[in-house]
Amino acid sequence: MPSISPPLSARRWGRRLADIAIPKDLWDAGKTPEGIVANWFFADGGAVSEGATVAEIMVEKSTFDIAAPNAGRLHITVPKDGIVKPGTVIGHIDGA
């Protein structure tokens, strides 16, 4: 399973936030337009390390690991079993 680290977002409210986004080319959206968040490996508000696998995305019978782009507190915006498309932001890391 590939592990994907999305780029850091801009600084917001004086704190460094990093978007956790589904890479736009993770799967062929022309064949399968949507996937689901199959699992979160950390709780909302939990501390995560840079590079840690924070979520698993399922598209048909394939799963993809999503890695934390930096260390900090996880803020989940798409819950487990939520529907996602390539490019969807599923959470943020507050690097404070």
PDB file of N, CA and C in Angstrom:
ATOM      1  N   MET A   1       0.832  -1.178   0.000  1.00  0.00           N
ATOM      2  CA  MET A   1       0.000   0.000   0.000  1.00  0.00           C
ATOM      3  C   MET A   1       0.879   1.245   0.000  1.00  0.00           C
ATOM      4  N   PRO A   2       0.713   2.128  -0.982  1.00  0.00           N
ATOM      5  CA  PRO A   2       1.521   3.335  -1.007  1.00  0.00           C
ATOM      6  C   PRO A   2       1.129   4.283   0.123  1.00  0.00           C
ATOM      7  N   SER A   3       2.087   5.014   0.625  1.00  0.00           N
ATOM      8  CA  SER A   3       1.849   6.001   1.662  1.00  0.00           C
ATOM      9  C   SER A   3       2.061   7.374   1.047  1.00  0.00           C
ATOM     10  N   ILE A   4       1.072   8.247   1.185  1.00  0.00           N
ATOM     11  CA  ILE A   4       1.085   9.523   0.496  1.00  0.00           C
ATOM     12  C   ILE A   4       1.137  10.659   1.518  1.00  0.00           C
ATOM     13  N   SER A   5       2.012  11.621   1.314  1.00  0.00           N
ATOM     14  CA  SER A   5       2.113  12.802   2.172  1.00  0.00           C
ATOM     15  C   SER A   5       1.732  14.035   1.360  1.00  0.00           C
ATOM     16  N   PRO A   6       0.602  14.679   1.679  1.00  0.00           N
ATOM     17  CA  PRO A   6       0.210  15.874   0.953  1.00  0.00           C
ATOM     18  C   PRO A   6       1.063  17.075   1.353  1.00  0.00           C
ATOM     19  N   PRO A   7       1.102  18.104   0.514  1.00  0.00           N
ATOM     20  CA  PRO A   7       1.904  19.288   0.822  1.00  0.00           C
ATOM     21  C   PRO A   7       1.317  20.097   1.969  1.00  0.00           C
ATOM     22  N   LEU A   8       2.160  20.896   2.606  1.00  0.00           N
ATOM     23  CA  LEU A   8       1.708  21.766   3.688  1.00  0.00           C
ATOM     24  C   LEU A   8       0.836  22.877   3.131  1.00  0.00           C
ATOM     25  N   SER A   9      -0.166  23.267   3.889  1.00  0.00           N
ATOM     26  CA  SER A   9      -0.998  24.395   3.503  1.00  0.00           C
ATOM     27  C   SER A   9      -0.357  25.675   4.039  1.00  0.00           C
ATOM     28  N   ALA A  10      -0.971  26.778   3.736  1.00  0.00           N
ATOM     29  CA  ALA A  10      -0.468  28.069   4.220  1.00  0.00           C
ATOM     30  C   ALA A  10      -0.666  28.194   5.729  1.00  0.00           C
ATOM     31  N   ARG A  11       0.073  29.104   6.334  1.00  0.00           N
ATOM     32  CA  ARG A  11      -0.118  29.371   7.774  1.00  0.00           C
ATOM     33  C   ARG A  11      -1.488  30.009   7.965  1.00  0.00           C
ATOM     34  N   ARG A  12      -2.198  29.559   8.988  1.00  0.00           N
ATOM     35  CA  ARG A  12      -3.527  30.100   9.294  1.00  0.00           C
ATOM     36  C   ARG A  12      -3.574  30.425  10.773  1.00  0.00           C
ATOM     37  N   TRP A  13      -4.112  31.569  11.082  1.00  0.00           N
ATOM     38  CA  TRP A  13      -4.288  32.008  12.467  1.00  0.00           C
ATOM     39  C   TRP A  13      -2.993  31.913  13.273  1.00  0.00           C
ATOM     40  N   GLY A  14      -1.863  32.147  12.613  1.00  0.00           N
ATOM     41  CA  GLY A  14      -0.579  32.136  13.301  1.00  0.00           C
ATOM     42  C   GLY A  14      -0.048  30.754  13.628  1.00  0.00           C
ATOM     43  N   ARG A  15      -0.738  29.707  13.220  1.00  0.00           N
ATOM     44  CA  ARG A  15      -0.281  28.332  13.459  1.00  0.00           C
ATOM     45  C   ARG A  15      -0.091  27.631  12.130  1.00  0.00           C
ATOM     46  N   ARG A  16       0.844  26.703  12.098  1.00  0.00           N
ATOM     47  CA  ARG A  16       1.105  25.962  10.870  1.00  0.00           C
ATOM     48  C   ARG A  16       0.128  24.796  10.779  1.00  0.00           C
ATOM     49  N   LEU A  17      -0.733  24.842   9.782  1.00  0.00           N
ATOM     50  CA  LEU A  17      -1.674  23.751   9.523  1.00  0.00           C
ATOM     51  C   LEU A  17      -1.250  23.048   8.242  1.00  0.00           C
ATOM     52  N   ALA A  18      -1.400  21.755   8.239  1.00  0.00           N
ATOM     53  CA  ALA A  18      -1.131  20.972   7.036  1.00  0.00           C
ATOM     54  C   ALA A  18      -2.408  20.238   6.656  1.00  0.00           C
ATOM     55  N   ASP A  19      -2.812  20.381   5.406  1.00  0.00           N
ATOM     56  CA  ASP A  19      -3.972  19.641   4.913  1.00  0.00           C
ATOM     57  C   ASP A  19      -3.602  18.181   4.715  1.00  0.00           C
ATOM     58  N   ILE A  20      -4.526  17.319   5.061  1.00  0.00           N
ATOM     59  CA  ILE A  20      -4.415  15.898   4.719  1.00  0.00           C
ATOM     60  C   ILE A  20      -5.395  15.712   3.569  1.00  0.00           C
ATOM     61  N   ALA A  21      -4.866  15.622   2.370  1.00  0.00           N
ATOM     62  CA  ALA A  21      -5.703  15.554   1.173  1.00  0.00           C
ATOM     63  C   ALA A  21      -5.468  14.243   0.432  1.00  0.00           C
ATOM     64  N   ILE A  22      -6.515  13.783  -0.218  1.00  0.00           N
ATOM     65  CA  ILE A  22      -6.405  12.607  -1.071  1.00  0.00           C
ATOM     66  C   ILE A  22      -5.706  13.068  -2.358  1.00  0.00           C
ATOM     67  N   PRO A  23      -4.558  12.497  -2.681  1.00  0.00           N
ATOM     68  CA  PRO A  23      -3.881  12.907  -3.921  1.00  0.00           C
ATOM     69  C   PRO A  23      -4.800  12.751  -5.132  1.00  0.00           C
ATOM     70  N   LYS A  24      -4.739  13.724  -6.027  1.00  0.00           N
ATOM     71  CA  LYS A  24      -5.630  13.732  -7.194  1.00  0.00           C
ATOM     72  C   LYS A  24      -5.407  12.561  -8.138  1.00  0.00           C
ATOM     73  N   ASP A  25      -4.214  11.971  -8.087  1.00  0.00           N
ATOM     74  CA  ASP A  25      -3.910  10.857  -8.991  1.00  0.00           C
ATOM     75  C   ASP A  25      -3.804   9.520  -8.261  1.00  0.00           C
ATOM     76  N   LEU A  26      -4.395   9.412  -7.062  1.00  0.00           N
ATOM     77  CA  LEU A  26      -4.280   8.184  -6.276  1.00  0.00           C
ATOM     78  C   LEU A  26      -4.965   7.002  -6.956  1.00  0.00           C
ATOM     79  N   TRP A  27      -6.084   7.256  -7.627  1.00  0.00           N
ATOM     80  CA  TRP A  27      -6.764   6.201  -8.389  1.00  0.00           C
ATOM     81  C   TRP A  27      -7.396   6.828  -9.625  1.00  0.00           C
ATOM     82  N   ASP A  28      -7.846   5.989 -10.540  1.00  0.00           N
ATOM     83  CA  ASP A  28      -8.467   6.443 -11.784  1.00  0.00           C
ATOM     84  C   ASP A  28      -9.916   6.840 -11.507  1.00  0.00           C
ATOM     85  N   ALA A  29     -10.128   8.141 -11.305  1.00  0.00           N
ATOM     86  CA  ALA A  29     -11.462   8.644 -10.985  1.00  0.00           C
ATOM     87  C   ALA A  29     -12.425   8.513 -12.166  1.00  0.00           C
ATOM     88  N   GLY A  30     -11.892   8.320 -13.362  1.00  0.00           N
ATOM     89  CA  GLY A  30     -12.759   8.103 -14.517  1.00  0.00           C
ATOM     90  C   GLY A  30     -13.497   6.777 -14.427  1.00  0.00           C
ATOM     91  N   LYS A  31     -12.851   5.776 -13.831  1.00  0.00           N
ATOM     92  CA  LYS A  31     -13.469   4.456 -13.673  1.00  0.00           C
ATOM     93  C   LYS A  31     -14.240   4.357 -12.356  1.00  0.00           C
ATOM     94  N   THR A  32     -13.658   4.878 -11.287  1.00  0.00           N
ATOM     95  CA  THR A  32     -14.266   4.816  -9.961  1.00  0.00           C
ATOM     96  C   THR A  32     -14.164   6.218  -9.353  1.00  0.00           C
ATOM     97  N   PRO A  33     -15.246   7.000  -9.431  1.00  0.00           N
ATOM     98  CA  PRO A  33     -15.150   8.393  -9.010  1.00  0.00           C
ATOM     99  C   PRO A  33     -15.013   8.615  -7.502  1.00  0.00           C
ATOM    100  N   GLU A  34     -15.422   7.642  -6.697  1.00  0.00           N
ATOM    101  CA  GLU A  34     -15.420   7.843  -5.247  1.00  0.00           C
ATOM    102  C   GLU A  34     -14.808   6.664  -4.494  1.00  0.00           C
ATOM    103  N   GLY A  35     -14.309   6.977  -3.312  1.00  0.00           N
ATOM    104  CA  GLY A  35     -13.829   5.971  -2.372  1.00  0.00           C
ATOM    105  C   GLY A  35     -14.394   6.309  -1.003  1.00  0.00           C
ATOM    106  N   ILE A  36     -13.965   5.576   0.017  1.00  0.00           N
ATOM    107  CA  ILE A  36     -14.412   5.879   1.381  1.00  0.00           C
ATOM    108  C   ILE A  36     -13.202   5.911   2.312  1.00  0.00           C
ATOM    109  N   VAL A  37     -13.371   6.651   3.405  1.00  0.00           N
ATOM    110  CA  VAL A  37     -12.383   6.600   4.475  1.00  0.00           C
ATOM    111  C   VAL A  37     -12.683   5.312   5.234  1.00  0.00           C
ATOM    112  N   ALA A  38     -11.859   4.313   5.039  1.00  0.00           N
ATOM    113  CA  ALA A  38     -12.094   3.003   5.643  1.00  0.00           C
ATOM    114  C   ALA A  38     -11.727   2.984   7.119  1.00  0.00           C
ATOM    115  N   ASN A  39     -10.719   3.776   7.495  1.00  0.00           N
ATOM    116  CA  ASN A  39     -10.269   3.750   8.889  1.00  0.00           C
ATOM    117  C   ASN A  39      -9.442   4.986   9.192  1.00  0.00           C
ATOM    118  N   TRP A  40      -9.569   5.470  10.416  1.00  0.00           N
ATOM    119  CA  TRP A  40      -8.658   6.457  10.988  1.00  0.00           C
ATOM    120  C   TRP A  40      -7.852   5.717  12.042  1.00  0.00           C
ATOM    121  N   PHE A  41      -6.543   5.892  12.035  1.00  0.00           N
ATOM    122  CA  PHE A  41      -5.675   5.189  12.977  1.00  0.00           C
ATOM    123  C   PHE A  41      -5.363   6.008  14.227  1.00  0.00           C
ATOM    124  N   PHE A  42      -5.810   7.263  14.252  1.00  0.00           N
ATOM    125  CA  PHE A  42      -5.663   8.137  15.411  1.00  0.00           C
ATOM    126  C   PHE A  42      -7.007   8.814  15.660  1.00  0.00           C
ATOM    127  N   ALA A  43      -7.273   9.158  16.914  1.00  0.00           N
ATOM    128  CA  ALA A  43      -8.510   9.855  17.261  1.00  0.00           C
ATOM    129  C   ALA A  43      -8.399  11.331  16.892  1.00  0.00           C
ATOM    130  N   ASP A  44      -9.541  11.965  16.685  1.00  0.00           N
ATOM    131  CA  ASP A  44      -9.585  13.401  16.456  1.00  0.00           C
ATOM    132  C   ASP A  44      -8.953  14.103  17.661  1.00  0.00           C
ATOM    133  N   GLY A  45      -8.006  14.993  17.410  1.00  0.00           N
ATOM    134  CA  GLY A  45      -7.305  15.684  18.481  1.00  0.00           C
ATOM    135  C   GLY A  45      -6.069  14.961  18.975  1.00  0.00           C
ATOM    136  N   GLY A  46      -5.825  13.755  18.454  1.00  0.00           N
ATOM    137  CA  GLY A  46      -4.680  12.961  18.878  1.00  0.00           C
ATOM    138  C   GLY A  46      -3.375  13.484  18.300  1.00  0.00           C
ATOM    139  N   ALA A  47      -2.295  13.222  19.017  1.00  0.00           N
ATOM    140  CA  ALA A  47      -0.959  13.613  18.550  1.00  0.00           C
ATOM    141  C   ALA A  47      -0.454  12.589  17.537  1.00  0.00           C
ATOM    142  N   VAL A  48       0.084  13.087  16.426  1.00  0.00           N
ATOM    143  CA  VAL A  48       0.639  12.217  15.394  1.00  0.00           C
ATOM    144  C   VAL A  48       2.062  12.645  15.050  1.00  0.00           C
ATOM    145  N   SER A  49       2.850  11.698  14.587  1.00  0.00           N
ATOM    146  CA  SER A  49       4.218  11.968  14.147  1.00  0.00           C
ATOM    147  C   SER A  49       4.226  12.162  12.641  1.00  0.00           C
ATOM    148  N   GLU A  50       5.165  12.930  12.154  1.00  0.00           N
ATOM    149  CA  GLU A  50       5.318  13.108  10.723  1.00  0.00           C
ATOM    150  C   GLU A  50       5.564  11.758  10.061  1.00  0.00           C
ATOM    151  N   GLY A  51       4.837  11.476   9.002  1.00  0.00           N
ATOM    152  CA  GLY A  51       4.995  10.228   8.255  1.00  0.00           C
ATOM    153  C   GLY A  51       4.169   9.068   8.774  1.00  0.00           C
ATOM    154  N   ALA A  52       3.538   9.235   9.942  1.00  0.00           N
ATOM    155  CA  ALA A  52       2.694   8.160  10.489  1.00  0.00           C
ATOM    156  C   ALA A  52       1.469   7.969   9.602  1.00  0.00           C
ATOM    157  N   THR A  53       1.053   6.734   9.424  1.00  0.00           N
ATOM    158  CA  THR A  53      -0.171   6.461   8.673  1.00  0.00           C
ATOM    159  C   THR A  53      -1.354   6.870   9.539  1.00  0.00           C
ATOM    160  N   VAL A  54      -2.131   7.847   9.059  1.00  0.00           N
ATOM    161  CA  VAL A  54      -3.253   8.361   9.842  1.00  0.00           C
ATOM    162  C   VAL A  54      -4.599   7.849   9.351  1.00  0.00           C
ATOM    163  N   ALA A  55      -4.692   7.501   8.063  1.00  0.00           N
ATOM    164  CA  ALA A  55      -5.972   7.056   7.516  1.00  0.00           C
ATOM    165  C   ALA A  55      -5.754   6.018   6.431  1.00  0.00           C
ATOM    166  N   GLU A  56      -6.809   5.282   6.177  1.00  0.00           N
ATOM    167  CA  GLU A  56      -6.819   4.290   5.102  1.00  0.00           C
ATOM    168  C   GLU A  56      -8.022   4.589   4.217  1.00  0.00           C
ATOM    169  N   ILE A  57      -7.775   4.673   2.925  1.00  0.00           N
ATOM    170  CA  ILE A  57      -8.823   4.933   1.937  1.00  0.00           C
ATOM    171  C   ILE A  57      -9.082   3.650   1.165  1.00  0.00           C
ATOM    172  N   MET A  58     -10.354   3.332   0.967  1.00  0.00           N
ATOM    173  CA  MET A  58     -10.710   2.138   0.195  1.00  0.00           C
ATOM    174  C   MET A  58     -11.435   2.566  -1.072  1.00  0.00           C
ATOM    175  N   VAL A  59     -10.947   2.028  -2.189  1.00  0.00           N
ATOM    176  CA  VAL A  59     -11.559   2.255  -3.496  1.00  0.00           C
ATOM    177  C   VAL A  59     -11.778   0.883  -4.097  1.00  0.00           C
ATOM    178  N   GLU A  60     -13.036   0.505  -4.251  1.00  0.00           N
ATOM    179  CA  GLU A  60     -13.406  -0.846  -4.639  1.00  0.00           C
ATOM    180  C   GLU A  60     -12.717  -1.821  -3.682  1.00  0.00           C
ATOM    181  N   LYS A  61     -11.815  -2.655  -4.141  1.00  0.00           N
ATOM    182  CA  LYS A  61     -11.158  -3.627  -3.257  1.00  0.00           C
ATOM    183  C   LYS A  61      -9.714  -3.251  -2.944  1.00  0.00           C
ATOM    184  N   SER A  62      -9.307  -2.033  -3.307  1.00  0.00           N
ATOM    185  CA  SER A  62      -7.941  -1.570  -3.049  1.00  0.00           C
ATOM    186  C   SER A  62      -7.941  -0.604  -1.869  1.00  0.00           C
ATOM    187  N   THR A  63      -6.872  -0.658  -1.072  1.00  0.00           N
ATOM    188  CA  THR A  63      -6.730   0.290   0.028  1.00  0.00           C
ATOM    189  C   THR A  63      -5.448   1.089  -0.152  1.00  0.00           C
ATOM    190  N   PHE A  64      -5.482   2.317   0.328  1.00  0.00           N
ATOM    191  CA  PHE A  64      -4.353   3.232   0.233  1.00  0.00           C
ATOM    192  C   PHE A  64      -4.139   3.879   1.592  1.00  0.00           C
ATOM    193  N   ASP A  65      -2.888   3.900   2.052  1.00  0.00           N
ATOM    194  CA  ASP A  65      -2.541   4.553   3.309  1.00  0.00           C
ATOM    195  C   ASP A  65      -2.283   6.032   3.061  1.00  0.00           C
ATOM    196  N   ILE A  66      -2.733   6.857   3.995  1.00  0.00           N
ATOM    197  CA  ILE A  66      -2.493   8.292   3.931  1.00  0.00           C
ATOM    198  C   ILE A  66      -1.637   8.664   5.142  1.00  0.00           C
ATOM    199  N   ALA A  67      -0.506   9.323   4.884  1.00  0.00           N
ATOM    200  CA  ALA A  67       0.463   9.654   5.932  1.00  0.00           C
ATOM    201  C   ALA A  67       0.301  11.097   6.413  1.00  0.00           C
ATOM    202  N   ALA A  68       0.692  11.324   7.660  1.00  0.00           N
ATOM    203  CA  ALA A  68       0.698  12.676   8.221  1.00  0.00           C
ATOM    204  C   ALA A  68       1.812  13.488   7.563  1.00  0.00           C
ATOM    205  N   PRO A  69       1.501  14.670   7.047  1.00  0.00           N
ATOM    206  CA  PRO A  69       2.520  15.481   6.393  1.00  0.00           C
ATOM    207  C   PRO A  69       3.499  16.128   7.370  1.00  0.00           C
ATOM    208  N   ASN A  70       3.105  16.248   8.626  1.00  0.00           N
ATOM    209  CA  ASN A  70       3.980  16.777   9.667  1.00  0.00           C
ATOM    210  C   ASN A  70       3.460  16.309  11.024  1.00  0.00           C
ATOM    211  N   ALA A  71       4.206  16.583  12.065  1.00  0.00           N
ATOM    212  CA  ALA A  71       3.797  16.202  13.417  1.00  0.00           C
ATOM    213  C   ALA A  71       2.850  17.260  13.987  1.00  0.00           C
ATOM    214  N   GLY A  72       1.952  16.835  14.847  1.00  0.00           N
ATOM    215  CA  GLY A  72       1.034  17.768  15.490  1.00  0.00           C
ATOM    216  C   GLY A  72      -0.242  17.073  15.918  1.00  0.00           C
ATOM    217  N   ARG A  73      -1.296  17.857  16.063  1.00  0.00           N
ATOM    218  CA  ARG A  73      -2.616  17.351  16.464  1.00  0.00           C
ATOM    219  C   ARG A  73      -3.485  17.132  15.228  1.00  0.00           C
ATOM    220  N   LEU A  74      -4.120  15.970  15.181  1.00  0.00           N
ATOM    221  CA  LEU A  74      -4.981  15.604  14.060  1.00  0.00           C
ATOM    222  C   LEU A  74      -6.377  16.176  14.259  1.00  0.00           C
ATOM    223  N   HIS A  75      -6.896  16.793  13.199  1.00  0.00           N
ATOM    224  CA  HIS A  75      -8.281  17.282  13.192  1.00  0.00           C
ATOM    225  C   HIS A  75      -8.972  16.651  11.990  1.00  0.00           C
ATOM    226  N   ILE A  76      -9.893  15.736  12.256  1.00  0.00           N
ATOM    227  CA  ILE A  76     -10.583  14.970  11.208  1.00  0.00           C
ATOM    228  C   ILE A  76     -11.760  15.783  10.678  1.00  0.00           C
ATOM    229  N   THR A  77     -11.858  15.896   9.344  1.00  0.00           N
ATOM    230  CA  THR A  77     -12.983  16.599   8.735  1.00  0.00           C
ATOM    231  C   THR A  77     -13.919  15.665   7.967  1.00  0.00           C
ATOM    232  N   VAL A  78     -13.440  14.485   7.592  1.00  0.00           N
ATOM    233  CA  VAL A  78     -14.283  13.471   6.938  1.00  0.00           C
ATOM    234  C   VAL A  78     -14.239  12.230   7.830  1.00  0.00           C
ATOM    235  N   PRO A  79     -15.389  11.819   8.372  1.00  0.00           N
ATOM    236  CA  PRO A  79     -15.395  10.688   9.306  1.00  0.00           C
ATOM    237  C   PRO A  79     -15.179   9.344   8.620  1.00  0.00           C
ATOM    238  N   LYS A  80     -14.956   8.337   9.441  1.00  0.00           N
ATOM    239  CA  LYS A  80     -14.867   6.957   8.950  1.00  0.00           C
ATOM    240  C   LYS A  80     -16.131   6.658   8.146  1.00  0.00           C
ATOM    241  N   ASP A  81     -15.963   5.977   7.035  1.00  0.00           N
ATOM    242  CA  ASP A  81     -17.030   5.639   6.087  1.00  0.00           C
ATOM    243  C   ASP A  81     -17.524   6.837   5.275  1.00  0.00           C
ATOM    244  N   GLY A  82     -16.875   8.006   5.437  1.00  0.00           N
ATOM    245  CA  GLY A  82     -17.214   9.169   4.624  1.00  0.00           C
ATOM    246  C   GLY A  82     -16.755   8.972   3.191  1.00  0.00           C
ATOM    247  N   ILE A  83     -17.509   9.512   2.265  1.00  0.00           N
ATOM    248  CA  ILE A  83     -17.210   9.386   0.835  1.00  0.00           C
ATOM    249  C   ILE A  83     -16.212  10.464   0.437  1.00  0.00           C
ATOM    250  N   VAL A  84     -15.199  10.058  -0.336  1.00  0.00           N
ATOM    251  CA  VAL A  84     -14.166  10.980  -0.793  1.00  0.00           C
ATOM    252  C   VAL A  84     -13.921  10.824  -2.288  1.00  0.00           C
ATOM    253  N   LYS A  85     -13.410  11.888  -2.872  1.00  0.00           N
ATOM    254  CA  LYS A  85     -12.977  11.897  -4.271  1.00  0.00           C
ATOM    255  C   LYS A  85     -11.520  12.328  -4.280  1.00  0.00           C
ATOM    256  N   PRO A  86     -10.800  12.055  -5.345  1.00  0.00           N
ATOM    257  CA  PRO A  86      -9.427  12.554  -5.422  1.00  0.00           C
ATOM    258  C   PRO A  86      -9.393  14.070  -5.199  1.00  0.00           C
ATOM    259  N   GLY A  87      -8.471  14.531  -4.364  1.00  0.00           N
ATOM    260  CA  GLY A  87      -8.346  15.943  -4.049  1.00  0.00           C
ATOM    261  C   GLY A  87      -9.063  16.373  -2.778  1.00  0.00           C
ATOM    262  N   THR A  88      -9.927  15.520  -2.240  1.00  0.00           N
ATOM    263  CA  THR A  88     -10.671  15.855  -1.026  1.00  0.00           C
ATOM    264  C   THR A  88      -9.739  16.026   0.163  1.00  0.00           C
ATOM    265  N   VAL A  89      -9.932  17.097   0.934  1.00  0.00           N
ATOM    266  CA  VAL A  89      -9.207  17.290   2.191  1.00  0.00           C
ATOM    267  C   VAL A  89      -9.991  16.527   3.265  1.00  0.00           C
ATOM    268  N   ILE A  90      -9.341  15.554   3.885  1.00  0.00           N
ATOM    269  CA  ILE A  90     -10.025  14.721   4.875  1.00  0.00           C
ATOM    270  C   ILE A  90      -9.695  15.100   6.310  1.00  0.00           C
ATOM    271  N   GLY A  91      -8.708  15.981   6.483  1.00  0.00           N
ATOM    272  CA  GLY A  91      -8.345  16.421   7.815  1.00  0.00           C
ATOM    273  C   GLY A  91      -7.205  17.413   7.754  1.00  0.00           C
ATOM    274  N   HIS A  92      -6.772  17.851   8.937  1.00  0.00           N
ATOM    275  CA  HIS A  92      -5.677  18.805   9.069  1.00  0.00           C
ATOM    276  C   HIS A  92      -4.785  18.375  10.218  1.00  0.00           C
ATOM    277  N   ILE A  93      -3.535  18.788  10.154  1.00  0.00           N
ATOM    278  CA  ILE A  93      -2.610  18.606  11.269  1.00  0.00           C
ATOM    279  C   ILE A  93      -2.249  20.006  11.744  1.00  0.00           C
ATOM    280  N   ASP A  94      -2.470  20.262  13.019  1.00  0.00           N
ATOM    281  CA  ASP A  94      -2.116  21.539  13.630  1.00  0.00           C
ATOM    282  C   ASP A  94      -0.731  21.377  14.233  1.00  0.00           C
ATOM    283  N   GLY A  95       0.266  21.940  13.576  1.00  0.00           N
ATOM    284  CA  GLY A  95       1.645  21.813  14.029  1.00  0.00           C
ATOM    285  C   GLY A  95       2.017  22.778  15.126  1.00  0.00           C
ATOM    286  N   ALA A  96       1.078  23.662  15.500  1.00  0.00           N
ATOM    287  CA  ALA A  96       1.272  24.695  16.537  1.00  0.00           C
ATOM    288  C   ALA A  96       2.699  25.025  16.618  1.00  0.00           C
TER     289      ALA A  96
END
